[in-house]
Amino acid sequence: MKILVIGATGRTGKHVLTQGAGRGHEITAFARRPELLTDRSRLADVRQGDAHDLEAVRAAVQGQDAVLAAVGGSGIASTLITAMREAGVRRVVMTSSRSVPATRPRLPVTLAWLFFREVYVDLARAEGMLQVSGLDWTIARATMLNDKPPAGRVHLDFEANATGGAMQLSRADYAMALLDAVEDPALIGKALGICGPK
C-alpha cells in the first residue's frame, strides 16, 4: 500500500515510518522539517511542507492509496479532505485523543480538559469534519502517550470511555495500531479508542 504519513518527524510519526516500511508499504514522509529524518533508506519518498498548506498537501497526496495523519487538528483535516477528494484518494486515518469524548474517570478527564481545552475542542472539530467528509475515515483516539518500549499489543474499543487497558500507551504501540487501522477496511467509518495493554 502507498501511504502518505503526515507528521512524519513527530515522536509517533517516526515509529509509523519505520514500522510501515517494515510491513512492506511504500511510505512517503511528509514533514515541515524533513532534514530531521536521519534514515530515508526504506522510504519511497520524502516531501517537505506544512500540512496546513493545501498546495503542498495536494502534491503529496497524488498517487497514494491512503493517508495516515500522525498529527491531528481541524486545519490539517480541512486540507486533507480537500486534497484527497480532488485526488480521488479515499482512505485516511487521523490521530485524536481519548479525552475528546471521555467522561470517566471524572477527575483526570476534567483536569485534562482544563489544561488542554483548546486542543481538544479543535480535535473534536477535526473529528466532525472527517465524519461528514465522505472519505473512508478512521479516527484513532489514544490515551496518554509515552516513549517506553513497545509491548506489541494494545487494548481497543469503540466506546467514549475506556473499557479496559492501561492509561499509558507507548508511541511505538500507537504507531502499530495506526498501521493496523489503515490496513483494516472493517474500521472504516469508526472511531476507536486505543489504550495500553494491562
C-alpha atoms as a PDB file:
ATOM      1  CA  MET A   1       0.000   0.000   0.000  1.00  0.00           C
ATOM      2  CA  LYS A   2       1.229   3.521  -0.811  1.00  0.00           C
ATOM      3  CA  ILE A   3       0.817   5.535   2.397  1.00  0.00           C
ATOM      4  CA  LEU A   4       1.448   9.235   2.925  1.00  0.00           C
ATOM      5  CA  VAL A   5       2.430   9.916   6.547  1.00  0.00           C
ATOM      6  CA  ILE A   6       1.635  13.422   7.792  1.00  0.00           C
ATOM      7  CA  GLY A   7       3.708  14.498  10.780  1.00  0.00           C
ATOM      8  CA  ALA A   8       6.455  12.089   9.835  1.00  0.00           C
ATOM      9  CA  THR A   9       9.129  13.603  12.077  1.00  0.00           C
ATOM     10  CA  GLY A  10       6.980  13.612  15.214  1.00  0.00           C
ATOM     11  CA  ARG A  11       7.548  11.151  18.034  1.00  0.00           C
ATOM     12  CA  THR A  12       4.720   8.903  16.803  1.00  0.00           C
ATOM     13  CA  GLY A  13       5.298   9.599  13.114  1.00  0.00           C
ATOM     14  CA  LYS A  14       8.847   8.255  13.208  1.00  0.00           C
ATOM     15  CA  HIS A  15       7.554   4.924  14.506  1.00  0.00           C
ATOM     16  CA  VAL A  16       4.929   4.864  11.750  1.00  0.00           C
ATOM     17  CA  LEU A  17       7.630   5.321   9.107  1.00  0.00           C
ATOM     18  CA  THR A  18       9.813   2.518  10.462  1.00  0.00           C
ATOM     19  CA  GLN A  19       7.008   0.051  11.083  1.00  0.00           C
ATOM     20  CA  GLY A  20       5.174   0.874   7.860  1.00  0.00           C
ATOM     21  CA  ALA A  21       8.281   0.259   5.764  1.00  0.00           C
ATOM     22  CA  GLY A  22       8.881  -2.924   7.751  1.00  0.00           C
ATOM     23  CA  ARG A  23       5.425  -4.160   6.734  1.00  0.00           C
ATOM     24  CA  GLY A  24       6.293  -3.650   3.090  1.00  0.00           C
ATOM     25  CA  HIS A  25       4.304  -0.469   2.475  1.00  0.00           C
ATOM     26  CA  GLU A  26       5.578   2.276   0.161  1.00  0.00           C
ATOM     27  CA  ILE A  27       5.866   5.094   2.685  1.00  0.00           C
ATOM     28  CA  THR A  28       6.053   8.772   1.752  1.00  0.00           C
ATOM     29  CA  ALA A  29       7.088  11.011   4.637  1.00  0.00           C
ATOM     30  CA  PHE A  30       5.559  14.498   4.762  1.00  0.00           C
ATOM     31  CA  ALA A  31       7.111  16.945   7.207  1.00  0.00           C
ATOM     32  CA  ARG A  32       7.891  20.609   7.700  1.00  0.00           C
ATOM     33  CA  ARG A  33      11.495  19.739   8.543  1.00  0.00           C
ATOM     34  CA  PRO A  34      12.415  16.609   6.574  1.00  0.00           C
ATOM     35  CA  GLU A  35      16.076  17.156   7.433  1.00  0.00           C
ATOM     36  CA  LEU A  36      15.201  15.612  10.814  1.00  0.00           C
ATOM     37  CA  LEU A  37      14.743  12.259   9.065  1.00  0.00           C
ATOM     38  CA  THR A  38      18.124  10.649   9.570  1.00  0.00           C
ATOM     39  CA  ASP A  39      17.362   7.358   7.784  1.00  0.00           C
ATOM     40  CA  ARG A  40      15.486   7.577   4.489  1.00  0.00           C
ATOM     41  CA  SER A  41      16.741   4.329   3.004  1.00  0.00           C
ATOM     42  CA  ARG A  42      13.432   2.466   3.349  1.00  0.00           C
ATOM     43  CA  LEU A  43      11.162   5.367   2.373  1.00  0.00           C
ATOM     44  CA  ALA A  44       9.579   5.636  -1.057  1.00  0.00           C
ATOM     45  CA  ASP A  45       9.692   9.449  -0.955  1.00  0.00           C
ATOM     46  CA  VAL A  46      10.108  12.456   1.314  1.00  0.00           C
ATOM     47  CA  ARG A  47       8.019  15.610   0.848  1.00  0.00           C
ATOM     48  CA  GLN A  48       8.667  18.927   2.547  1.00  0.00           C
ATOM     49  CA  GLY A  49       5.652  21.003   3.501  1.00  0.00           C
ATOM     50  CA  ASP A  50       3.199  22.220   6.079  1.00  0.00           C
ATOM     51  CA  ALA A  51       0.044  20.121   6.453  1.00  0.00           C
ATOM     52  CA  HIS A  52      -1.992  23.364   6.510  1.00  0.00           C
ATOM     53  CA  ASP A  53      -0.672  24.267   3.035  1.00  0.00           C
ATOM     54  CA  LEU A  54      -3.206  22.966   0.527  1.00  0.00           C
ATOM     55  CA  GLU A  55      -0.839  23.110  -2.456  1.00  0.00           C
ATOM     56  CA  ALA A  56       1.845  21.092  -0.648  1.00  0.00           C
ATOM     57  CA  VAL A  57      -0.695  18.505   0.519  1.00  0.00           C
ATOM     58  CA  ARG A  58      -2.259  18.310  -2.954  1.00  0.00           C
ATOM     59  CA  ALA A  59       1.110  17.444  -4.465  1.00  0.00           C
ATOM     60  CA  ALA A  60       1.927  14.864  -1.788  1.00  0.00           C
ATOM     61  CA  VAL A  61      -1.458  13.090  -1.904  1.00  0.00           C
ATOM     62  CA  GLN A  62      -1.271  12.334  -5.624  1.00  0.00           C
ATOM     63  CA  GLY A  63      -0.884   8.616  -6.320  1.00  0.00           C
ATOM     64  CA  GLN A  64      -1.287   7.495  -2.698  1.00  0.00           C
ATOM     65  CA  ASP A  65      -3.580   4.699  -1.544  1.00  0.00           C
ATOM     66  CA  ALA A  66      -4.043   6.119   1.943  1.00  0.00           C
ATOM     67  CA  VAL A  67      -3.084   8.954   4.253  1.00  0.00           C
ATOM     68  CA  LEU A  68      -2.083   8.424   7.866  1.00  0.00           C
ATOM     69  CA  ALA A  69      -2.078  11.678   9.839  1.00  0.00           C
ATOM     70  CA  ALA A  70       0.119  11.134  12.881  1.00  0.00           C
ATOM     71  CA  VAL A  71      -0.860  14.636  13.979  1.00  0.00           C
ATOM     72  CA  GLY A  72      -4.444  15.849  14.183  1.00  0.00           C
ATOM     73  CA  GLY A  73      -6.347  19.119  14.075  1.00  0.00           C
ATOM     74  CA  SER A  74      -9.080  20.882  12.129  1.00  0.00           C
ATOM     75  CA  GLY A  75      -6.690  22.762   9.845  1.00  0.00           C
ATOM     76  CA  ILE A  76      -4.988  19.536   8.819  1.00  0.00           C
ATOM     77  CA  ALA A  77      -8.343  17.792   8.394  1.00  0.00           C
ATOM     78  CA  SER A  78      -9.533  20.605   6.137  1.00  0.00           C
ATOM     79  CA  THR A  79      -6.556  20.477   3.773  1.00  0.00           C
ATOM     80  CA  LEU A  80      -6.552  16.671   3.703  1.00  0.00           C
ATOM     81  CA  ILE A  81     -10.258  16.433   2.924  1.00  0.00           C
ATOM     82  CA  THR A  82      -9.965  18.904   0.034  1.00  0.00           C
ATOM     83  CA  ALA A  83      -6.781  17.399  -1.401  1.00  0.00           C
ATOM     84  CA  MET A  84      -7.930  13.793  -1.047  1.00  0.00           C
ATOM     85  CA  ARG A  85     -11.308  14.453  -2.669  1.00  0.00           C
ATOM     86  CA  GLU A  86      -9.597  16.116  -5.623  1.00  0.00           C
ATOM     87  CA  ALA A  87      -7.073  13.288  -5.994  1.00  0.00           C
ATOM     88  CA  GLY A  88      -9.619  10.506  -5.534  1.00  0.00           C
ATOM     89  CA  VAL A  89      -7.744   9.128  -2.505  1.00  0.00           C
ATOM     90  CA  ARG A  90     -10.293   7.859  -0.007  1.00  0.00           C
ATOM     91  CA  ARG A  91      -8.575   6.116   2.932  1.00  0.00           C
ATOM     92  CA  VAL A  92      -7.492   8.305   5.846  1.00  0.00           C
ATOM     93  CA  VAL A  93      -6.588   7.571   9.463  1.00  0.00           C
ATOM     94  CA  MET A  94      -6.173  10.530  11.815  1.00  0.00           C
ATOM     95  CA  THR A  95      -4.938  10.646  15.387  1.00  0.00           C
ATOM     96  CA  SER A  96      -7.021  12.130  18.177  1.00  0.00           C
ATOM     97  CA  SER A  97      -7.315  11.855  21.947  1.00  0.00           C
ATOM     98  CA  ARG A  98      -9.300   9.552  24.182  1.00  0.00           C
ATOM     99  CA  SER A  99     -10.132  12.605  26.245  1.00  0.00           C
ATOM    100  CA  VAL A 100     -12.206  14.167  23.447  1.00  0.00           C
ATOM    101  CA  PRO A 101     -15.341  12.017  24.058  1.00  0.00           C
ATOM    102  CA  ALA A 102     -14.492  10.703  27.549  1.00  0.00           C
ATOM    103  CA  THR A 103     -16.496  11.434  30.695  1.00  0.00           C
ATOM    104  CA  ARG A 104     -14.687   8.983  33.005  1.00  0.00           C
ATOM    105  CA  PRO A 105     -12.637   8.835  35.117  1.00  0.00           C
ATOM    106  CA  ARG A 106     -14.118  12.198  36.003  1.00  0.00           C
ATOM    107  CA  LEU A 107     -11.207  13.913  37.750  1.00  0.00           C
ATOM    108  CA  PRO A 108      -8.474  13.114  35.164  1.00  0.00           C
ATOM    109  CA  VAL A 109     -10.809  13.977  32.279  1.00  0.00           C
ATOM    110  CA  THR A 110     -11.842  17.256  33.929  1.00  0.00           C
ATOM    111  CA  LEU A 111      -8.231  18.209  34.548  1.00  0.00           C
ATOM    112  CA  ALA A 112      -7.224  17.286  31.009  1.00  0.00           C
ATOM    113  CA  TRP A 113      -9.976  19.498  29.591  1.00  0.00           C
ATOM    114  CA  LEU A 114      -8.995  22.294  31.958  1.00  0.00           C
ATOM    115  CA  PHE A 115      -5.423  22.358  30.660  1.00  0.00           C
ATOM    116  CA  PHE A 116      -5.934  21.314  27.034  1.00  0.00           C
ATOM    117  CA  ARG A 117      -9.393  22.661  26.246  1.00  0.00           C
ATOM    118  CA  GLU A 118      -8.410  24.468  23.031  1.00  0.00           C
ATOM    119  CA  VAL A 119      -6.587  21.403  21.717  1.00  0.00           C
ATOM    120  CA  TYR A 120      -9.486  19.056  22.487  1.00  0.00           C
ATOM    121  CA  VAL A 121     -12.089  21.417  21.020  1.00  0.00           C
ATOM    122  CA  ASP A 122     -10.030  21.566  17.836  1.00  0.00           C
ATOM    123  CA  LEU A 123      -9.634  17.769  17.738  1.00  0.00           C
ATOM    124  CA  ALA A 124     -13.392  17.387  18.204  1.00  0.00           C
ATOM    125  CA  ARG A 125     -13.905  19.751  15.279  1.00  0.00           C
ATOM    126  CA  ALA A 126     -11.456  17.732  13.169  1.00  0.00           C
ATOM    127  CA  GLU A 127     -13.256  14.504  14.033  1.00  0.00           C
ATOM    128  CA  GLY A 128     -16.580  16.021  12.970  1.00  0.00           C
ATOM    129  CA  MET A 129     -15.123  17.219   9.685  1.00  0.00           C
ATOM    130  CA  LEU A 130     -13.823  13.753   8.852  1.00  0.00           C
ATOM    131  CA  GLN A 131     -17.084  12.095   9.817  1.00  0.00           C
ATOM    132  CA  VAL A 132     -19.041  14.126   7.236  1.00  0.00           C
ATOM    133  CA  SER A 133     -16.265  14.213   4.609  1.00  0.00           C
ATOM    134  CA  GLY A 134     -17.419  11.258   2.541  1.00  0.00           C
ATOM    135  CA  LEU A 135     -13.923   9.768   2.824  1.00  0.00           C
ATOM    136  CA  ASP A 136     -13.106   6.312   4.180  1.00  0.00           C
ATOM    137  CA  TRP A 137     -12.023   7.651   7.567  1.00  0.00           C
ATOM    138  CA  THR A 138     -10.900   6.118  10.831  1.00  0.00           C
ATOM    139  CA  ILE A 139     -10.248   8.197  13.950  1.00  0.00           C
ATOM    140  CA  ALA A 140      -7.684   6.753  16.355  1.00  0.00           C
ATOM    141  CA  ARG A 141      -8.081   8.164  19.869  1.00  0.00           C
ATOM    142  CA  ALA A 142      -5.043   7.489  22.029  1.00  0.00           C
ATOM    143  CA  THR A 143      -4.713   7.650  25.768  1.00  0.00           C
ATOM    144  CA  MET A 144      -1.599   9.174  27.411  1.00  0.00           C
ATOM    145  CA  LEU A 145       1.449   8.547  25.220  1.00  0.00           C
ATOM    146  CA  ASN A 146       4.979   7.779  26.368  1.00  0.00           C
ATOM    147  CA  ASP A 147       8.290   6.721  24.845  1.00  0.00           C
ATOM    148  CA  LYS A 148       8.647   3.399  26.648  1.00  0.00           C
ATOM    149  CA  PRO A 149       9.500   0.202  24.752  1.00  0.00           C
ATOM    150  CA  PRO A 150       6.576  -1.342  22.878  1.00  0.00           C
ATOM    151  CA  ALA A 151       4.504  -4.144  24.357  1.00  0.00           C
ATOM    152  CA  GLY A 152       3.463  -5.320  20.900  1.00  0.00           C
ATOM    153  CA  ARG A 153      -0.235  -5.159  21.736  1.00  0.00           C
ATOM    154  CA  VAL A 154      -2.900  -2.610  22.695  1.00  0.00           C
ATOM    155  CA  HIS A 155      -6.414  -2.502  24.108  1.00  0.00           C
ATOM    156  CA  LEU A 156      -9.004  -1.371  21.536  1.00  0.00           C
ATOM    157  CA  ASP A 157     -12.626  -0.403  21.996  1.00  0.00           C
ATOM    158  CA  PHE A 158     -15.248   1.766  20.337  1.00  0.00           C
ATOM    159  CA  GLU A 159     -16.705   3.448  23.418  1.00  0.00           C
ATOM    160  CA  ALA A 160     -16.444   7.025  24.693  1.00  0.00           C
ATOM    161  CA  ASN A 161     -14.881   5.713  27.902  1.00  0.00           C
ATOM    162  CA  ALA A 162     -12.196   3.063  28.005  1.00  0.00           C
ATOM    163  CA  THR A 163     -13.459  -0.469  28.618  1.00  0.00           C
ATOM    164  CA  GLY A 164     -10.080  -1.729  29.783  1.00  0.00           C
ATOM    165  CA  GLY A 165      -6.375  -1.450  29.195  1.00  0.00           C
ATOM    166  CA  ALA A 166      -3.842   0.925  30.715  1.00  0.00           C
ATOM    167  CA  MET A 167      -3.929   4.721  30.653  1.00  0.00           C
ATOM    168  CA  GLN A 168      -0.330   4.794  29.394  1.00  0.00           C
ATOM    169  CA  LEU A 169       0.395   3.837  25.778  1.00  0.00           C
ATOM    170  CA  SER A 170       3.791   3.689  24.108  1.00  0.00           C
ATOM    171  CA  ARG A 171       4.134   5.635  20.874  1.00  0.00           C
ATOM    172  CA  ALA A 172       5.545   2.542  19.175  1.00  0.00           C
ATOM    173  CA  ASP A 173       2.398   0.582  20.077  1.00  0.00           C
ATOM    174  CA  TYR A 174       0.230   3.510  18.961  1.00  0.00           C
ATOM    175  CA  ALA A 175       2.015   3.501  15.596  1.00  0.00           C
ATOM    176  CA  MET A 176       1.355  -0.236  15.324  1.00  0.00           C
ATOM    177  CA  ALA A 177      -2.358   0.361  15.969  1.00  0.00           C
ATOM    178  CA  LEU A 178      -2.473   3.203  13.431  1.00  0.00           C
ATOM    179  CA  LEU A 179      -0.994   0.969  10.735  1.00  0.00           C
ATOM    180  CA  ASP A 180      -3.343  -1.859  11.692  1.00  0.00           C
ATOM    181  CA  ALA A 181      -6.221   0.600  11.271  1.00  0.00           C
ATOM    182  CA  VAL A 182      -5.172   1.863   7.848  1.00  0.00           C
ATOM    183  CA  GLU A 183      -4.882  -1.757   6.659  1.00  0.00           C
ATOM    184  CA  ASP A 184      -8.266  -2.884   8.019  1.00  0.00           C
ATOM    185  CA  PRO A 185     -11.336  -1.952   5.917  1.00  0.00           C
ATOM    186  CA  ALA A 186     -13.578  -3.114   8.774  1.00  0.00           C
ATOM    187  CA  LEU A 187     -12.502   0.020  10.675  1.00  0.00           C
ATOM    188  CA  ILE A 188     -13.695   2.453   8.003  1.00  0.00           C
ATOM    189  CA  GLY A 189     -16.182   4.904   9.476  1.00  0.00           C
ATOM    190  CA  LYS A 190     -15.225   4.128  13.066  1.00  0.00           C
ATOM    191  CA  ALA A 191     -13.590   5.998  15.926  1.00  0.00           C
ATOM    192  CA  LEU A 192     -11.546   3.641  18.029  1.00  0.00           C
ATOM    193  CA  GLY A 193     -10.114   4.147  21.488  1.00  0.00           C
ATOM    194  CA  ILE A 194      -6.578   2.887  21.969  1.00  0.00           C
ATOM    195  CA  CYS A 195      -5.130   2.159  25.414  1.00  0.00           C
ATOM    196  CA  GLY A 196      -2.010   0.394  26.539  1.00  0.00           C
ATOM    197  CA  PRO A 197      -2.261  -3.301  27.424  1.00  0.00           C
ATOM    198  CA  LYS A 198      -2.813  -4.421  31.009  1.00  0.00           C
END
